[in-house]
Amino acid sequence: RSHLDLQPLATSGERFSTPGRQAGGTRPGQFQQTRQCAAQETHALIIREYNMEETTTTYEKIGGEAAVGKLCDRFYELMATVPQFKELRAMHPEDLQGSRDKLFMFLSGWMGGPDLFVEKFGHPRLRGRHMPFAIGVQERDQWVACMALAMEDIGLSEDLRKGLLSNFFHTADFMRNKEG
């Protein structure tokens, strides 16, 4: 079982917020930020403890750096060429290399490998970094479908795909910032 089978607490930050509530003399929003940070720290602790029990990370199971690179390459190749993903493609810059590189760095750490994204850019702040883009159900579903095809195309086992797809869906769903 992969550590990614755990439901990530950090992606459920909204459940930890209490609209309108502020702790003590804090500024508006600080209570929510504090609770969200605490949830993220708890999630990280759970993952670290779980990884101590399991010595093989998802990163290692899929084939390390080379496999993550192939996954990212195939994901962006599909996004650029499959008409089903045209709305998703339109949200990205003309040159996809920078987006591909960031996804590679993020997935590397997210799957238990080198935390390249954090080393270069700091905390991923996924929701905040995606706020400039209108993301609804259609965009989420296109992203998840594109990733599902990419995982299949590079030959990941069905068990790995199933576990990763569940986590990808939850993360993509958390990025939604518009109705529909």
Protein backbone atom coordinates (compact mmCIF):
# COMPACT_ATOMS: atom_id res chain seq x y z
CA ARG A 1 0.00 0.00 0.00
CA SER A 2 1.36 3.42 -0.97
CA HIS A 3 1.56 6.39 1.37
CA LEU A 4 -0.50 8.19 -1.27
CA ASP A 5 -3.48 6.01 -0.35
CA LEU A 6 -3.95 8.23 2.67
CA GLN A 7 -6.51 11.00 2.32
CA PRO A 8 -4.34 14.15 2.38
CA LEU A 9 -5.40 16.51 5.14
CA ALA A 10 -3.70 19.46 3.47
CA THR A 11 -6.10 19.29 0.54
CA SER A 12 -9.10 19.52 2.84
CA GLY A 13 -8.19 22.93 4.26
CA GLU A 14 -11.71 24.20 3.77
CA ARG A 15 -12.97 21.72 6.36
CA PHE A 16 -10.70 23.31 8.93
CA SER A 17 -11.81 26.86 8.34
CA THR A 18 -14.53 28.53 10.37
CA PRO A 19 -16.08 31.41 8.41
CA GLY A 20 -16.13 34.65 10.35
CA ARG A 21 -14.30 33.24 13.37
CA GLN A 22 -11.10 34.85 14.54
CA ALA A 23 -8.88 33.79 17.36
CA GLY A 24 -8.08 36.42 19.98
CA GLY A 25 -6.81 39.66 18.49
CA THR A 26 -5.84 38.13 15.18
CA ARG A 27 -6.37 39.76 11.82
CA PRO A 28 -9.16 38.45 9.56
CA GLY A 29 -8.20 35.18 7.90
CA GLN A 30 -5.32 34.44 10.29
CA PHE A 31 -7.31 31.83 12.20
CA GLN A 32 -8.04 29.96 8.97
CA GLN A 33 -4.39 30.16 7.88
CA THR A 34 -3.22 28.88 11.26
CA ARG A 35 -5.65 25.95 11.17
CA GLN A 36 -4.69 25.13 7.59
CA CYS A 37 -0.96 25.20 8.44
CA ALA A 38 -1.62 22.92 11.43
CA ALA A 39 -3.49 20.50 9.17
CA GLN A 40 -0.66 20.53 6.64
CA GLU A 41 1.91 19.90 9.37
CA THR A 42 -0.20 17.02 10.72
CA HIS A 43 -0.47 15.56 7.22
CA ALA A 44 3.31 15.78 6.76
CA LEU A 45 3.86 14.06 10.12
CA ILE A 46 1.46 11.24 9.23
CA ILE A 47 3.21 10.73 5.90
CA ARG A 48 6.67 10.71 7.55
CA GLU A 49 5.53 8.19 10.18
CA TYR A 50 3.84 6.04 7.57
CA ASN A 51 6.93 6.12 5.36
CA MET A 52 9.03 4.88 8.29
CA GLU A 53 6.91 1.72 8.24
CA GLU A 54 7.07 1.39 4.45
CA THR A 55 10.47 1.55 2.84
CA THR A 56 9.37 1.71 -0.81
CA THR A 57 7.95 5.05 -1.90
CA THR A 58 5.57 5.57 -4.79
CA TYR A 59 8.45 7.38 -6.48
CA GLU A 60 10.53 4.20 -6.29
CA LYS A 61 7.61 1.94 -7.25
CA ILE A 62 6.94 3.76 -10.51
CA GLY A 63 10.61 3.86 -11.49
CA GLY A 64 12.02 7.05 -9.99
CA GLU A 65 13.17 10.11 -11.88
CA ALA A 66 12.97 8.54 -15.33
CA ALA A 67 9.37 7.38 -14.88
CA VAL A 68 8.20 10.68 -13.39
CA GLY A 69 9.83 12.45 -16.34
CA LYS A 70 8.11 10.14 -18.83
CA LEU A 71 4.78 10.67 -17.07
CA CYS A 72 5.10 14.45 -17.26
CA ASP A 73 6.24 14.35 -20.88
CA ARG A 74 3.31 12.15 -21.88
CA PHE A 75 0.82 14.20 -19.87
CA TYR A 76 1.75 17.42 -21.67
CA GLU A 77 2.01 15.66 -25.05
CA LEU A 78 -1.55 14.40 -24.63
CA MET A 79 -2.77 17.79 -23.44
CA ALA A 80 -1.29 19.44 -26.51
CA THR A 81 -2.60 16.94 -29.07
CA VAL A 82 -5.89 15.44 -27.89
CA PRO A 83 -8.92 17.61 -28.79
CA GLN A 84 -10.73 16.39 -25.65
CA PHE A 85 -8.24 18.45 -23.59
CA LYS A 86 -8.44 21.73 -25.54
CA GLU A 87 -9.85 23.77 -22.64
CA LEU A 88 -7.15 22.46 -20.34
CA ARG A 89 -4.48 23.26 -22.95
CA ALA A 90 -5.83 26.80 -23.37
CA MET A 91 -5.08 27.51 -19.69
CA HIS A 92 -1.36 26.94 -20.25
CA PRO A 93 1.33 29.04 -21.93
CA GLU A 94 2.20 28.34 -25.57
CA ASP A 95 5.50 26.72 -24.52
CA LEU A 96 4.64 23.90 -22.12
CA GLN A 97 8.22 23.20 -20.98
CA GLY A 98 8.02 25.37 -17.85
CA SER A 99 4.71 23.79 -16.83
CA ARG A 100 6.13 20.33 -17.48
CA ASP A 101 9.21 21.06 -15.39
CA LYS A 102 7.14 22.33 -12.46
CA LEU A 103 4.86 19.29 -12.57
CA PHE A 104 7.93 17.04 -12.64
CA MET A 105 9.48 18.80 -9.63
CA PHE A 106 6.19 18.71 -7.71
CA LEU A 107 5.40 15.05 -8.46
CA SER A 108 8.93 14.02 -7.55
CA GLY A 109 8.45 15.18 -3.96
CA TRP A 110 4.74 14.33 -3.77
CA MET A 111 5.53 10.71 -4.62
CA GLY A 112 8.28 10.44 -2.02
CA GLY A 113 11.32 11.30 -4.10
CA PRO A 114 13.49 14.42 -4.00
CA ASP A 115 11.45 17.45 -2.98
CA LEU A 116 12.61 19.49 -5.97
CA PHE A 117 9.68 21.89 -6.13
CA VAL A 118 9.98 22.91 -2.49
CA GLU A 119 13.74 23.35 -2.85
CA LYS A 120 13.29 25.72 -5.79
CA PHE A 121 9.97 27.49 -5.12
CA GLY A 122 9.06 26.84 -1.48
CA HIS A 123 5.77 25.39 -0.29
CA PRO A 124 3.64 24.31 -3.27
CA ARG A 125 0.54 26.31 -2.18
CA LEU A 126 -1.30 24.44 -4.93
CA ARG A 127 -4.65 26.14 -4.51
CA GLY A 128 -3.13 29.62 -4.35
CA ARG A 129 -0.93 29.02 -7.38
CA HIS A 130 -3.97 27.87 -9.38
CA MET A 131 -6.33 30.70 -8.33
CA PRO A 132 -5.58 32.84 -11.43
CA PHE A 133 -7.14 30.08 -13.55
CA ALA A 134 -10.88 29.40 -13.71
CA ILE A 135 -11.06 25.75 -12.70
CA GLY A 136 -14.39 23.96 -12.57
CA VAL A 137 -15.61 20.41 -13.00
CA GLN A 138 -14.77 20.34 -16.74
CA GLU A 139 -11.16 21.48 -16.21
CA ARG A 140 -10.71 19.10 -13.28
CA ASP A 141 -12.06 16.18 -15.27
CA GLN A 142 -9.89 17.00 -18.28
CA TRP A 143 -6.78 17.17 -16.08
CA VAL A 144 -7.59 13.85 -14.39
CA ALA A 145 -8.45 12.13 -17.70
CA CYS A 146 -5.23 13.39 -19.28
CA MET A 147 -3.21 12.10 -16.32
CA ALA A 148 -5.03 8.75 -16.38
CA LEU A 149 -4.15 8.29 -20.05
CA ALA A 150 -0.56 9.34 -19.45
CA MET A 151 -0.17 6.83 -16.61
CA GLU A 152 -1.60 4.06 -18.77
CA ASP A 153 0.53 5.03 -21.79
CA ILE A 154 3.80 4.85 -19.85
CA GLY A 155 2.88 1.42 -18.52
CA LEU A 156 2.19 1.98 -14.82
CA SER A 157 0.57 -1.05 -13.21
CA GLU A 158 -3.16 -1.00 -12.64
CA ASP A 159 -2.68 -0.95 -8.85
CA LEU A 160 -0.38 2.08 -9.01
CA ARG A 161 -2.69 3.86 -11.46
CA LYS A 162 -5.72 3.25 -9.26
CA GLY A 163 -4.05 4.63 -6.13
CA LEU A 164 -2.52 7.60 -7.90
CA LEU A 165 -5.72 8.41 -9.78
CA SER A 166 -7.68 8.62 -6.55
CA ASN A 167 -5.16 11.04 -5.09
CA PHE A 168 -4.91 13.03 -8.33
CA PHE A 169 -8.69 13.38 -8.40
CA HIS A 170 -8.86 14.66 -4.81
CA THR A 171 -6.06 17.14 -5.47
CA ALA A 172 -7.57 18.33 -8.76
CA ASP A 173 -10.97 18.67 -7.12
CA PHE A 174 -9.42 20.88 -4.44
CA MET A 175 -8.18 23.23 -7.19
CA ARG A 176 -11.73 24.01 -8.28
CA ASN A 177 -12.51 27.68 -7.82
CA LYS A 178 -15.63 28.19 -9.95
CA GLU A 179 -19.08 26.67 -10.13
CA GLY A 180 -19.69 23.91 -12.62
